[in-house]
Amino acid sequence: MEMTYRSEDRYLTIQLSGELDHHAAKNLMDSIDRLLEQTLPVKTFLDLGELSFMDSSGIAVVLRAKRRMEALSGNLVVINIPRQAARVLETAGLGRYVDLL
């Protein structure tokens, strides 16, 4: 699992690549938390376009990022969702809580 990001004018894009499973989720959540605290974005885009696999641990990652953004009075949008990851997120009903594009 690899995470890259870019921040500009309080807009943050976090791009994930590789496999998002339970082994990667905890470290990833901690990394995202630190990044949000450093950049204080008003909008964060979580780009899943380079994920090759995501299990249910990805749900926890998305929900935690959503809660952190709400605490900052900001918004989270999940973008470029691969088909396999979309099935995981849709099965969990995450579209009711998070913008999935």
Protein backbone atom coordinates (compact mmCIF):
# COMPACT_ATOMS: atom_id res chain seq x y z
CA MET A 1 0.00 0.00 0.00
CA GLU A 2 1.35 3.39 -0.99
CA MET A 3 -0.09 6.82 -0.28
CA THR A 4 0.83 10.00 -2.11
CA TYR A 5 -0.79 13.39 -1.77
CA ARG A 6 -0.89 16.93 -3.01
CA SER A 7 -2.31 19.94 -1.23
CA GLU A 8 -3.22 23.26 -2.80
CA ASP A 9 -5.41 26.09 -1.49
CA ARG A 10 -6.78 23.90 1.32
CA TYR A 11 -7.83 21.21 -1.16
CA LEU A 12 -6.15 17.88 -0.51
CA THR A 13 -5.94 14.90 -2.84
CA ILE A 14 -4.78 11.61 -1.35
CA GLN A 15 -4.00 8.87 -3.87
CA LEU A 16 -3.82 5.27 -2.74
CA SER A 17 -2.17 2.49 -4.72
CA GLY A 18 -1.67 -1.21 -4.17
CA GLU A 19 -3.72 -3.38 -1.83
CA LEU A 20 -5.84 -1.91 0.94
CA ASP A 21 -6.36 -4.75 3.40
CA HIS A 22 -6.33 -5.13 7.17
CA HIS A 23 -2.52 -5.14 7.22
CA ALA A 24 -2.34 -1.70 5.60
CA ALA A 25 -5.46 -0.07 7.06
CA LYS A 26 -4.21 0.90 10.53
CA ASN A 27 -1.03 2.59 9.30
CA LEU A 28 -2.97 4.25 6.50
CA MET A 29 -5.57 5.67 8.91
CA ASP A 30 -2.80 7.07 11.11
CA SER A 31 -1.05 8.60 8.08
CA ILE A 32 -4.26 10.20 6.84
CA ASP A 33 -5.00 11.58 10.32
CA ARG A 34 -1.56 13.23 10.50
CA LEU A 35 -1.90 14.62 6.98
CA LEU A 36 -5.31 16.14 7.72
CA GLU A 37 -3.95 17.74 10.91
CA GLN A 38 -1.02 19.24 8.98
CA THR A 39 -2.92 20.56 5.95
CA LEU A 40 -6.34 21.40 7.50
CA PRO A 41 -8.17 21.00 4.18
CA VAL A 42 -11.70 22.19 3.49
CA LYS A 43 -12.13 19.41 0.93
CA THR A 44 -10.32 16.11 0.60
CA PHE A 45 -10.43 13.85 -2.42
CA LEU A 46 -9.56 10.23 -1.68
CA ASP A 47 -8.42 8.83 -5.03
CA LEU A 48 -8.68 5.04 -5.23
CA GLY A 49 -7.83 4.82 -8.93
CA GLU A 50 -4.59 2.89 -8.40
CA LEU A 51 -5.92 0.33 -5.91
CA SER A 52 -5.56 -3.25 -7.09
CA PHE A 53 -7.58 -4.66 -4.17
CA MET A 54 -9.64 -3.44 -1.24
CA ASP A 55 -11.32 -5.50 1.47
CA SER A 56 -13.75 -4.36 4.17
CA SER A 57 -10.89 -2.61 5.97
CA GLY A 58 -11.22 0.06 3.30
CA ILE A 59 -14.65 0.92 4.70
CA ALA A 60 -13.05 1.82 8.03
CA VAL A 61 -10.44 3.97 6.27
CA VAL A 62 -13.10 5.92 4.36
CA LEU A 63 -15.37 6.37 7.39
CA ARG A 64 -12.51 7.56 9.58
CA ALA A 65 -11.41 10.08 6.95
CA LYS A 66 -15.03 11.25 6.67
CA ARG A 67 -15.28 11.76 10.45
CA ARG A 68 -11.97 13.63 10.54
CA MET A 69 -13.08 15.91 7.72
CA GLU A 70 -16.39 16.58 9.49
CA ALA A 71 -14.41 17.58 12.60
CA LEU A 72 -12.59 20.10 10.39
CA SER A 73 -15.94 21.32 8.97
CA GLY A 74 -14.79 19.95 5.63
CA ASN A 75 -15.96 17.42 3.07
CA LEU A 76 -14.61 14.09 1.81
CA VAL A 77 -15.15 12.84 -1.73
CA VAL A 78 -13.99 9.38 -2.86
CA ILE A 79 -13.02 9.39 -6.54
CA ASN A 80 -11.79 7.03 -9.29
CA ILE A 81 -13.15 3.96 -7.54
CA PRO A 82 -12.16 0.66 -9.19
CA ARG A 83 -14.95 -1.83 -9.80
CA GLN A 84 -13.88 -4.26 -7.05
CA ALA A 85 -13.59 -1.48 -4.46
CA ALA A 86 -16.92 -0.01 -5.58
CA ARG A 87 -18.61 -3.34 -4.84
CA VAL A 88 -17.17 -3.33 -1.31
CA LEU A 89 -18.28 0.27 -0.66
CA GLU A 90 -21.72 -0.17 -2.24
CA THR A 91 -22.39 -3.42 -0.36
CA ALA A 92 -21.72 -1.54 2.89
CA GLY A 93 -24.10 1.24 1.84
CA LEU A 94 -21.36 3.85 2.13
CA GLY A 95 -22.91 5.98 -0.59
CA ARG A 96 -25.45 7.19 1.97
CA TYR A 97 -22.69 8.79 4.06
CA VAL A 98 -19.88 9.68 1.67
CA ASP A 99 -19.77 11.17 -1.83
CA LEU A 100 -18.61 8.32 -4.09
CA LEU A 101 -17.70 9.48 -7.60
